[in-house]
Structures are given as C-alpha cells and as structure tokens.
Amino acid sequence: MIKQSSPYVLTFFICLLMWVLLTASFAKDELISGAIIALVISLISAPKMKILNGLRLHAGFLFALLRYLLYFLYALLKANLNLAKRVLSPDMKIHPRMVEINTTMQSDLGKLFLANSITLTPGTLTVDVYDNRMLVHWIDCPTHVNIEETTKAVVSKFEDYLKGFVR
C-alpha cells in the first residue's frame, strides 16, 4: 500500500496518463515532456488533493474497482427498470420520504463515492452528508417498511464493494 505520498504519486500518474492520451504518442521526447509537466502539476496541486488519501492502492485495486463498477451497473439497471415500471403504471404508487442512513465509510472519498452511487441510481437522491450520516430522499419508502433493515440492505452492498478500493 502507498503511504501519505499517494496524492503526489497518484496525481503524477493521472497527469502522465492524460498526457499520453492527449498526445497519442510514446515518443521519448513526448514522454519526457509529459513526465516533467506531470511532476510540476503534481507538486503544485497534490497538497490540495487530500481527498485522494481515501484510496486504498494495492495489488487488487483495479479488480476491486471493476467489481464495484459491475455491481453499480447492475444496481443502476435494476433501479431504472423499477422506476420505469412505476412511471408507466396507471396508479404510480410512490411514497416519497427523507431517510437518514449511517455509513461505515471512513474517508471523505468513500462517502463521496457512496453518496454518488445512491444518487445515480434512479429513485434516490443524497441530499446531505454529515459525519457518518447521509440524508437520502427515496421515491418509494412506505411507512410500514423497516427503514433500518432496508437501508442496511441497500447501503451495505455498495459499501462492501467500495471498501475494496476506498476507506
């Protein structure tokens, strides 16, 4: 795992990758120029990018990220179909509600990923994040539903996959 230098290292490699993608060249002089520019940019901007400390860089990082993306796409498809069914049904039974959920994500980056994952799945919207709590608007949360169990079922899946690459 990379220690506290990760914002510098990560910023450098992201900048260098962007340079290579934009120049579309692996010529020696292009790579040297890109490395110098990436180094300067990372030295200037990395101290302001403390959010990157939430990344868990390890050998299985890319695999964990891919697993999360596949689960997210599955959850996105499922939520889209559910919402389409509600919109197309003649009675459109919805029970909108604001729900406060607790998260076990420790880093700001982990909370950001979780909040965006919830928001990007149709029918939910993360309204606020404070400490380890999030305020989420659900389009359908009937009063008879056990909010804690439902929340745990929804959020814990995302958290399990996210913990593979963020704190």
N, C-alpha and C. Protein backbone atom coordinates (compact mmCIF):
# COMPACT_ATOMS: atom_id res chain seq x y z
N MET A 1 0.82 -1.17 0.00
CA MET A 1 0.00 0.00 0.00
C MET A 1 0.88 1.25 0.00
N ILE A 2 0.47 2.29 -0.71
CA ILE A 2 1.23 3.53 -0.77
C ILE A 2 0.84 4.39 0.42
N LYS A 3 1.82 4.98 1.09
CA LYS A 3 1.58 5.77 2.30
C LYS A 3 1.09 7.17 1.94
N GLN A 4 1.45 8.17 2.73
CA GLN A 4 0.97 9.54 2.60
C GLN A 4 1.38 10.20 1.29
N SER A 5 2.33 9.66 0.58
CA SER A 5 2.77 10.27 -0.68
C SER A 5 1.76 10.00 -1.80
N SER A 6 0.71 9.24 -1.51
CA SER A 6 -0.22 8.84 -2.56
C SER A 6 -0.82 9.98 -3.35
N PRO A 7 -1.16 11.14 -2.75
CA PRO A 7 -1.68 12.20 -3.62
C PRO A 7 -0.68 12.64 -4.67
N TYR A 8 0.61 12.69 -4.30
CA TYR A 8 1.65 13.09 -5.25
C TYR A 8 1.81 12.04 -6.35
N VAL A 9 1.94 10.80 -5.93
CA VAL A 9 2.14 9.71 -6.88
C VAL A 9 0.93 9.56 -7.79
N LEU A 10 -0.25 9.55 -7.18
CA LEU A 10 -1.48 9.38 -7.96
C LEU A 10 -1.70 10.54 -8.92
N THR A 11 -1.48 11.76 -8.45
CA THR A 11 -1.64 12.93 -9.31
C THR A 11 -0.65 12.88 -10.47
N PHE A 12 0.60 12.48 -10.17
CA PHE A 12 1.61 12.37 -11.22
C PHE A 12 1.16 11.38 -12.29
N PHE A 13 0.74 10.18 -11.87
CA PHE A 13 0.37 9.16 -12.85
C PHE A 13 -0.91 9.52 -13.61
N ILE A 14 -1.83 10.17 -12.97
CA ILE A 14 -3.04 10.61 -13.67
C ILE A 14 -2.68 11.65 -14.73
N CYS A 15 -1.84 12.61 -14.35
CA CYS A 15 -1.41 13.64 -15.31
C CYS A 15 -0.62 13.04 -16.46
N LEU A 16 0.27 12.11 -16.14
CA LEU A 16 1.06 11.48 -17.20
C LEU A 16 0.17 10.66 -18.13
N LEU A 17 -0.79 9.95 -17.56
CA LEU A 17 -1.73 9.18 -18.38
C LEU A 17 -2.53 10.12 -19.29
N MET A 18 -3.00 11.23 -18.74
CA MET A 18 -3.74 12.19 -19.56
C MET A 18 -2.85 12.74 -20.68
N TRP A 19 -1.59 13.00 -20.38
CA TRP A 19 -0.64 13.50 -21.37
C TRP A 19 -0.50 12.49 -22.52
N VAL A 20 -0.31 11.24 -22.17
CA VAL A 20 -0.14 10.19 -23.19
C VAL A 20 -1.42 10.06 -24.02
N LEU A 21 -2.57 10.12 -23.36
CA LEU A 21 -3.83 10.01 -24.10
C LEU A 21 -4.05 11.20 -25.03
N LEU A 22 -3.68 12.38 -24.58
CA LEU A 22 -3.87 13.58 -25.41
C LEU A 22 -2.87 13.67 -26.55
N THR A 23 -1.63 13.26 -26.29
CA THR A 23 -0.63 13.34 -27.36
C THR A 23 -0.66 12.12 -28.27
N ALA A 24 -1.19 11.03 -27.76
CA ALA A 24 -1.26 9.77 -28.52
C ALA A 24 0.10 9.38 -29.07
N SER A 25 1.13 9.59 -28.22
CA SER A 25 2.49 9.30 -28.67
C SER A 25 3.30 8.69 -27.52
N PHE A 26 4.12 7.72 -27.88
CA PHE A 26 5.05 7.13 -26.92
C PHE A 26 6.49 7.50 -27.28
N ALA A 27 6.64 8.56 -28.06
CA ALA A 27 7.98 9.01 -28.42
C ALA A 27 8.70 9.47 -27.16
N LYS A 28 10.02 9.22 -27.16
CA LYS A 28 10.82 9.51 -25.96
C LYS A 28 10.70 10.97 -25.52
N ASP A 29 10.82 11.91 -26.46
CA ASP A 29 10.75 13.32 -26.11
C ASP A 29 9.36 13.71 -25.59
N GLU A 30 8.32 13.11 -26.13
CA GLU A 30 6.95 13.37 -25.66
C GLU A 30 6.78 12.86 -24.23
N LEU A 31 7.28 11.65 -23.96
CA LEU A 31 7.17 11.09 -22.61
C LEU A 31 7.97 11.89 -21.59
N ILE A 32 9.14 12.36 -21.96
CA ILE A 32 9.95 13.17 -21.05
C ILE A 32 9.25 14.49 -20.76
N SER A 33 8.74 15.14 -21.81
CA SER A 33 8.00 16.39 -21.61
C SER A 33 6.78 16.16 -20.71
N GLY A 34 6.06 15.08 -20.98
CA GLY A 34 4.88 14.76 -20.18
C GLY A 34 5.23 14.49 -18.73
N ALA A 35 6.34 13.78 -18.50
CA ALA A 35 6.76 13.47 -17.12
C ALA A 35 7.13 14.75 -16.38
N ILE A 36 7.82 15.67 -17.04
CA ILE A 36 8.21 16.93 -16.40
C ILE A 36 6.96 17.75 -16.06
N ILE A 37 6.05 17.85 -17.00
CA ILE A 37 4.82 18.62 -16.76
C ILE A 37 3.98 17.95 -15.68
N ALA A 38 3.86 16.63 -15.71
CA ALA A 38 3.10 15.91 -14.68
C ALA A 38 3.73 16.10 -13.31
N LEU A 39 5.06 16.12 -13.25
CA LEU A 39 5.76 16.33 -11.98
C LEU A 39 5.47 17.72 -11.42
N VAL A 40 5.55 18.72 -12.27
CA VAL A 40 5.28 20.10 -11.83
C VAL A 40 3.83 20.23 -11.34
N ILE A 41 2.91 19.69 -12.11
CA ILE A 41 1.49 19.77 -11.73
C ILE A 41 1.24 19.04 -10.42
N SER A 42 1.83 17.87 -10.26
CA SER A 42 1.60 17.11 -9.02
C SER A 42 2.23 17.81 -7.82
N LEU A 43 3.37 18.43 -7.98
CA LEU A 43 4.00 19.15 -6.86
C LEU A 43 3.16 20.36 -6.45
N ILE A 44 2.51 21.00 -7.41
CA ILE A 44 1.69 22.18 -7.11
C ILE A 44 0.32 21.80 -6.56
N SER A 45 -0.32 20.82 -7.18
CA SER A 45 -1.72 20.56 -6.83
C SER A 45 -1.95 19.43 -5.83
N ALA A 46 -1.03 18.50 -5.70
CA ALA A 46 -1.27 17.35 -4.82
C ALA A 46 -1.53 17.71 -3.35
N PRO A 47 -0.85 18.72 -2.79
CA PRO A 47 -1.15 19.05 -1.39
C PRO A 47 -2.61 19.47 -1.17
N LYS A 48 -3.25 19.95 -2.20
CA LYS A 48 -4.65 20.36 -2.09
C LYS A 48 -5.61 19.20 -2.36
N MET A 49 -5.09 18.05 -2.70
CA MET A 49 -5.93 16.91 -3.07
C MET A 49 -5.90 15.84 -1.98
N LYS A 50 -6.16 16.25 -0.75
CA LYS A 50 -6.12 15.31 0.38
C LYS A 50 -7.22 14.26 0.29
N ILE A 51 -8.21 14.51 -0.53
CA ILE A 51 -9.29 13.53 -0.68
C ILE A 51 -8.75 12.22 -1.25
N LEU A 52 -7.66 12.28 -2.00
CA LEU A 52 -7.08 11.08 -2.59
C LEU A 52 -6.48 10.15 -1.54
N ASN A 53 -6.29 10.64 -0.30
CA ASN A 53 -5.78 9.78 0.77
C ASN A 53 -6.76 8.67 1.10
N GLY A 54 -8.01 8.81 0.66
CA GLY A 54 -9.02 7.79 0.92
C GLY A 54 -8.87 6.56 0.03
N LEU A 55 -8.04 6.64 -1.00
CA LEU A 55 -7.84 5.49 -1.88
C LEU A 55 -7.02 4.42 -1.20
N ARG A 56 -7.38 3.18 -1.45
CA ARG A 56 -6.61 2.04 -0.95
C ARG A 56 -5.90 1.43 -2.14
N LEU A 57 -4.68 1.87 -2.38
CA LEU A 57 -3.92 1.36 -3.51
C LEU A 57 -3.22 0.07 -3.11
N HIS A 58 -3.56 -1.01 -3.79
CA HIS A 58 -2.97 -2.32 -3.52
C HIS A 58 -3.03 -3.14 -4.80
N ALA A 59 -2.52 -4.34 -4.74
CA ALA A 59 -2.44 -5.19 -5.94
C ALA A 59 -3.80 -5.46 -6.56
N GLY A 60 -4.84 -5.59 -5.75
CA GLY A 60 -6.17 -5.88 -6.27
C GLY A 60 -7.03 -4.66 -6.51
N PHE A 61 -6.40 -3.48 -6.54
CA PHE A 61 -7.15 -2.22 -6.69
C PHE A 61 -8.04 -2.21 -7.93
N LEU A 62 -7.47 -2.52 -9.07
CA LEU A 62 -8.24 -2.48 -10.32
C LEU A 62 -9.35 -3.53 -10.33
N PHE A 63 -9.08 -4.70 -9.78
CA PHE A 63 -10.11 -5.74 -9.69
C PHE A 63 -11.26 -5.27 -8.80
N ALA A 64 -10.92 -4.67 -7.65
CA ALA A 64 -11.95 -4.17 -6.73
C ALA A 64 -12.78 -3.06 -7.38
N LEU A 65 -12.11 -2.19 -8.12
CA LEU A 65 -12.81 -1.11 -8.83
C LEU A 65 -13.74 -1.68 -9.89
N LEU A 66 -13.29 -2.66 -10.62
CA LEU A 66 -14.10 -3.31 -11.65
C LEU A 66 -15.32 -4.01 -11.03
N ARG A 67 -15.11 -4.70 -9.91
CA ARG A 67 -16.23 -5.36 -9.20
C ARG A 67 -17.28 -4.32 -8.79
N TYR A 68 -16.81 -3.19 -8.25
CA TYR A 68 -17.75 -2.13 -7.86
C TYR A 68 -18.52 -1.61 -9.07
N LEU A 69 -17.81 -1.35 -10.15
CA LEU A 69 -18.46 -0.81 -11.35
C LEU A 69 -19.51 -1.78 -11.90
N LEU A 70 -19.20 -3.07 -11.89
CA LEU A 70 -20.17 -4.07 -12.36
C LEU A 70 -21.38 -4.11 -11.44
N TYR A 71 -21.16 -4.06 -10.13
CA TYR A 71 -22.31 -4.04 -9.20
C TYR A 71 -23.11 -2.76 -9.38
N PHE A 72 -22.42 -1.64 -9.55
CA PHE A 72 -23.11 -0.37 -9.74
C PHE A 72 -23.98 -0.41 -11.00
N LEU A 73 -23.44 -0.96 -12.09
CA LEU A 73 -24.23 -1.06 -13.32
C LEU A 73 -25.45 -1.96 -13.13
N TYR A 74 -25.28 -3.04 -12.38
CA TYR A 74 -26.41 -3.91 -12.06
C TYR A 74 -27.47 -3.15 -11.25
N ALA A 75 -27.04 -2.43 -10.20
CA ALA A 75 -27.97 -1.66 -9.37
C ALA A 75 -28.63 -0.56 -10.18
N LEU A 76 -27.90 0.05 -11.08
CA LEU A 76 -28.43 1.11 -11.93
C LEU A 76 -29.51 0.56 -12.86
N LEU A 77 -29.25 -0.57 -13.49
CA LEU A 77 -30.22 -1.19 -14.38
C LEU A 77 -31.48 -1.59 -13.61
N LYS A 78 -31.30 -2.21 -12.46
CA LYS A 78 -32.41 -2.64 -11.64
C LYS A 78 -33.28 -1.44 -11.20
N ALA A 79 -32.63 -0.36 -10.76
CA ALA A 79 -33.36 0.84 -10.33
C ALA A 79 -34.07 1.51 -11.50
N ASN A 80 -33.43 1.53 -12.67
CA ASN A 80 -34.07 2.12 -13.85
C ASN A 80 -35.33 1.35 -14.24
N LEU A 81 -35.24 0.03 -14.24
CA LEU A 81 -36.41 -0.79 -14.58
C LEU A 81 -37.53 -0.60 -13.56
N ASN A 82 -37.16 -0.54 -12.28
CA ASN A 82 -38.14 -0.33 -11.23
C ASN A 82 -38.84 1.02 -11.39
N LEU A 83 -38.06 2.06 -11.65
CA LEU A 83 -38.64 3.39 -11.81
C LEU A 83 -39.48 3.48 -13.08
N ALA A 84 -39.04 2.85 -14.16
CA ALA A 84 -39.82 2.85 -15.40
C ALA A 84 -41.17 2.16 -15.18
N LYS A 85 -41.16 1.08 -14.44
CA LYS A 85 -42.40 0.37 -14.11
C LYS A 85 -43.35 1.28 -13.33
N ARG A 86 -42.82 2.03 -12.39
CA ARG A 86 -43.65 2.95 -11.60
C ARG A 86 -44.23 4.05 -12.48
N VAL A 87 -43.41 4.61 -13.35
CA VAL A 87 -43.86 5.71 -14.21
C VAL A 87 -44.92 5.24 -15.19
N LEU A 88 -44.75 4.03 -15.72
CA LEU A 88 -45.68 3.52 -16.72
C LEU A 88 -46.95 2.92 -16.13
N SER A 89 -46.97 2.64 -14.82
CA SER A 89 -48.18 2.08 -14.24
C SER A 89 -49.22 3.19 -14.07
N PRO A 90 -50.49 2.85 -14.26
CA PRO A 90 -51.54 3.88 -14.23
C PRO A 90 -51.71 4.53 -12.85
N ASP A 91 -51.49 3.80 -11.77
CA ASP A 91 -51.72 4.39 -10.45
C ASP A 91 -50.45 4.99 -9.83
N MET A 92 -49.28 4.68 -10.34
CA MET A 92 -47.99 5.20 -9.90
C MET A 92 -47.92 5.31 -8.38
N LYS A 93 -47.85 4.17 -7.72
CA LYS A 93 -47.77 4.16 -6.27
C LYS A 93 -46.37 4.53 -5.81
N ILE A 94 -46.27 5.70 -5.21
CA ILE A 94 -45.00 6.13 -4.63
C ILE A 94 -45.25 6.66 -3.23
N HIS A 95 -44.27 6.55 -2.40
CA HIS A 95 -44.33 7.05 -1.04
C HIS A 95 -43.01 7.76 -0.75
N PRO A 96 -42.86 9.00 -1.23
CA PRO A 96 -41.59 9.70 -1.04
C PRO A 96 -41.31 9.96 0.44
N ARG A 97 -40.03 9.88 0.77
CA ARG A 97 -39.66 10.03 2.17
C ARG A 97 -38.18 10.41 2.28
N MET A 98 -37.87 11.22 3.26
CA MET A 98 -36.49 11.54 3.59
C MET A 98 -36.03 10.55 4.66
N VAL A 99 -34.91 9.89 4.42
CA VAL A 99 -34.41 8.86 5.32
C VAL A 99 -32.97 9.20 5.68
N GLU A 100 -32.64 9.07 6.97
CA GLU A 100 -31.26 9.27 7.40
C GLU A 100 -30.60 7.90 7.53
N ILE A 101 -29.47 7.77 6.86
CA ILE A 101 -28.75 6.49 6.90
C ILE A 101 -27.38 6.69 7.52
N ASN A 102 -26.86 5.65 8.11
CA ASN A 102 -25.50 5.66 8.65
C ASN A 102 -24.58 4.91 7.70
N THR A 103 -23.36 5.40 7.60
CA THR A 103 -22.38 4.75 6.73
C THR A 103 -21.17 4.34 7.55
N THR A 104 -20.51 3.29 7.11
CA THR A 104 -19.27 2.86 7.75
C THR A 104 -18.05 3.33 6.97
N MET A 105 -18.28 4.05 5.88
CA MET A 105 -17.16 4.58 5.09
C MET A 105 -16.42 5.60 5.95
N GLN A 106 -15.08 5.53 5.97
CA GLN A 106 -14.29 6.38 6.85
C GLN A 106 -13.79 7.64 6.17
N SER A 107 -13.40 7.55 4.92
CA SER A 107 -12.79 8.70 4.24
C SER A 107 -13.85 9.54 3.53
N ASP A 108 -13.46 10.78 3.28
CA ASP A 108 -14.34 11.67 2.52
C ASP A 108 -14.58 11.12 1.12
N LEU A 109 -13.55 10.52 0.53
CA LEU A 109 -13.69 9.94 -0.81
C LEU A 109 -14.67 8.77 -0.80
N GLY A 110 -14.59 7.93 0.22
CA GLY A 110 -15.52 6.81 0.35
C GLY A 110 -16.95 7.29 0.49
N LYS A 111 -17.15 8.33 1.30
CA LYS A 111 -18.50 8.90 1.47
C LYS A 111 -18.99 9.53 0.18
N LEU A 112 -18.07 10.17 -0.55
CA LEU A 112 -18.42 10.77 -1.83
C LEU A 112 -18.87 9.71 -2.83
N PHE A 113 -18.11 8.62 -2.92
CA PHE A 113 -18.48 7.51 -3.82
C PHE A 113 -19.84 6.94 -3.43
N LEU A 114 -20.06 6.73 -2.13
CA LEU A 114 -21.33 6.15 -1.68
C LEU A 114 -22.49 7.09 -1.97
N ALA A 115 -22.32 8.37 -1.65
CA ALA A 115 -23.39 9.34 -1.89
C ALA A 115 -23.73 9.42 -3.38
N ASN A 116 -22.71 9.42 -4.23
CA ASN A 116 -22.96 9.48 -5.67
C ASN A 116 -23.56 8.18 -6.19
N SER A 117 -23.17 7.06 -5.63
CA SER A 117 -23.76 5.78 -6.04
C SER A 117 -25.24 5.75 -5.73
N ILE A 118 -25.60 6.26 -4.56
CA ILE A 118 -27.01 6.32 -4.17
C ILE A 118 -27.76 7.29 -5.08
N THR A 119 -27.18 8.45 -5.30
CA THR A 119 -27.84 9.48 -6.11
C THR A 119 -28.01 9.06 -7.56
N LEU A 120 -27.02 8.36 -8.11
CA LEU A 120 -27.07 7.99 -9.53
C LEU A 120 -28.03 6.84 -9.82
N THR A 121 -28.47 6.13 -8.79
CA THR A 121 -29.48 5.09 -9.02
C THR A 121 -30.84 5.75 -8.93
N PRO A 122 -31.65 5.66 -9.96
CA PRO A 122 -32.94 6.35 -10.01
C PRO A 122 -33.84 5.98 -8.83
N GLY A 123 -34.55 6.98 -8.34
CA GLY A 123 -35.46 6.79 -7.22
C GLY A 123 -34.86 7.21 -5.90
N THR A 124 -33.59 7.56 -5.89
CA THR A 124 -32.93 8.01 -4.67
C THR A 124 -32.09 9.25 -4.96
N LEU A 125 -31.94 10.07 -3.94
CA LEU A 125 -31.14 11.28 -4.08
C LEU A 125 -30.50 11.59 -2.73
N THR A 126 -29.17 11.63 -2.69
CA THR A 126 -28.48 12.00 -1.46
C THR A 126 -28.53 13.52 -1.35
N VAL A 127 -29.17 14.00 -0.29
CA VAL A 127 -29.39 15.43 -0.11
C VAL A 127 -28.27 16.06 0.72
N ASP A 128 -27.79 15.34 1.74
CA ASP A 128 -26.78 15.92 2.62
C ASP A 128 -25.91 14.81 3.20
N VAL A 129 -24.66 15.13 3.44
CA VAL A 129 -23.73 14.20 4.09
C VAL A 129 -23.10 14.96 5.24
N TYR A 130 -23.19 14.39 6.44
CA TYR A 130 -22.56 15.00 7.60
C TYR A 130 -22.10 13.89 8.53
N ASP A 131 -20.86 14.01 8.98
CA ASP A 131 -20.21 12.97 9.79
C ASP A 131 -20.36 11.62 9.09
N ASN A 132 -20.96 10.65 9.77
CA ASN A 132 -21.17 9.32 9.17
C ASN A 132 -22.63 9.10 8.82
N ARG A 133 -23.35 10.18 8.58
CA ARG A 133 -24.77 10.08 8.24
C ARG A 133 -25.03 10.76 6.90
N MET A 134 -26.02 10.23 6.20
CA MET A 134 -26.45 10.80 4.94
C MET A 134 -27.96 10.94 4.97
N LEU A 135 -28.43 12.05 4.42
CA LEU A 135 -29.86 12.26 4.29
C LEU A 135 -30.22 11.94 2.85
N VAL A 136 -31.10 10.95 2.68
CA VAL A 136 -31.43 10.44 1.34
C VAL A 136 -32.93 10.58 1.11
N HIS A 137 -33.28 11.08 -0.07
CA HIS A 137 -34.69 11.12 -0.47
C HIS A 137 -34.97 9.87 -1.29
N TRP A 138 -35.95 9.07 -0.84
CA TRP A 138 -36.38 7.88 -1.56
C TRP A 138 -37.74 8.13 -2.17
N ILE A 139 -37.89 7.74 -3.41
CA ILE A 139 -39.17 7.96 -4.09
C ILE A 139 -40.25 7.02 -3.58
N ASP A 140 -39.84 5.84 -3.09
CA ASP A 140 -40.83 4.90 -2.57
C ASP A 140 -40.32 4.23 -1.30
N CYS A 141 -40.79 4.73 -0.17
CA CYS A 141 -40.43 4.18 1.13
C CYS A 141 -41.70 4.17 1.99
N PRO A 142 -42.56 3.15 1.82
CA PRO A 142 -43.81 3.10 2.57
C PRO A 142 -43.57 3.14 4.08
N THR A 143 -44.53 3.61 4.82
CA THR A 143 -44.38 3.78 6.27
C THR A 143 -44.23 2.45 7.00
N HIS A 144 -44.77 1.35 6.45
CA HIS A 144 -44.68 0.06 7.13
C HIS A 144 -43.33 -0.64 6.95
N VAL A 145 -42.46 -0.10 6.11
CA VAL A 145 -41.16 -0.71 5.85
C VAL A 145 -40.20 -0.42 7.00
N ASN A 146 -39.41 -1.42 7.40
CA ASN A 146 -38.39 -1.22 8.41
C ASN A 146 -37.23 -0.48 7.75
N ILE A 147 -37.11 0.80 8.06
CA ILE A 147 -36.13 1.65 7.39
C ILE A 147 -34.70 1.19 7.65
N GLU A 148 -34.40 0.78 8.87
CA GLU A 148 -33.04 0.37 9.19
C GLU A 148 -32.61 -0.85 8.39
N GLU A 149 -33.48 -1.85 8.29
CA GLU A 149 -33.13 -3.06 7.54
C GLU A 149 -33.02 -2.77 6.05
N THR A 150 -33.97 -1.98 5.52
CA THR A 150 -33.95 -1.65 4.09
C THR A 150 -32.70 -0.84 3.76
N THR A 151 -32.40 0.14 4.59
CA THR A 151 -31.22 0.97 4.38
C THR A 151 -29.96 0.12 4.42
N LYS A 152 -29.88 -0.76 5.41
CA LYS A 152 -28.71 -1.62 5.53
C LYS A 152 -28.55 -2.49 4.30
N ALA A 153 -29.66 -3.00 3.78
CA ALA A 153 -29.60 -3.86 2.59
C ALA A 153 -29.10 -3.08 1.38
N VAL A 154 -29.56 -1.85 1.23
CA VAL A 154 -29.17 -1.04 0.07
C VAL A 154 -27.74 -0.53 0.21
N VAL A 155 -27.44 0.09 1.34
CA VAL A 155 -26.16 0.75 1.53
C VAL A 155 -25.02 -0.24 1.75
N SER A 156 -25.27 -1.31 2.48
CA SER A 156 -24.18 -2.23 2.81
C SER A 156 -23.60 -2.90 1.56
N LYS A 157 -24.41 -3.16 0.56
CA LYS A 157 -23.89 -3.75 -0.69
C LYS A 157 -22.90 -2.79 -1.36
N PHE A 158 -23.32 -1.52 -1.48
CA PHE A 158 -22.41 -0.54 -2.07
C PHE A 158 -21.13 -0.43 -1.23
N GLU A 159 -21.29 -0.36 0.10
CA GLU A 159 -20.12 -0.22 0.97
C GLU A 159 -19.18 -1.41 0.85
N ASP A 160 -19.72 -2.61 0.76
CA ASP A 160 -18.88 -3.80 0.63
C ASP A 160 -17.98 -3.72 -0.60
N TYR A 161 -18.55 -3.29 -1.71
CA TYR A 161 -17.76 -3.19 -2.94
C TYR A 161 -16.80 -2.00 -2.89
N LEU A 162 -17.26 -0.88 -2.32
CA LEU A 162 -16.41 0.31 -2.25
C LEU A 162 -15.20 0.09 -1.36
N LYS A 163 -15.35 -0.68 -0.29
CA LYS A 163 -14.25 -0.89 0.65
C LYS A 163 -13.09 -1.65 0.02
N GLY A 164 -13.27 -2.18 -1.17
CA GLY A 164 -12.18 -2.83 -1.87
C GLY A 164 -11.15 -1.86 -2.38
N PHE A 165 -11.54 -0.58 -2.57
CA PHE A 165 -10.57 0.38 -3.09
C PHE A 165 -10.59 1.76 -2.44
N VAL A 166 -11.55 2.02 -1.53
CA VAL A 166 -11.54 3.27 -0.75
C VAL A 166 -11.79 2.96 0.72
N ARG A 167 -11.38 3.86 1.57
CA ARG A 167 -11.60 3.68 3.02
C ARG A 167 -12.97 4.19 3.38
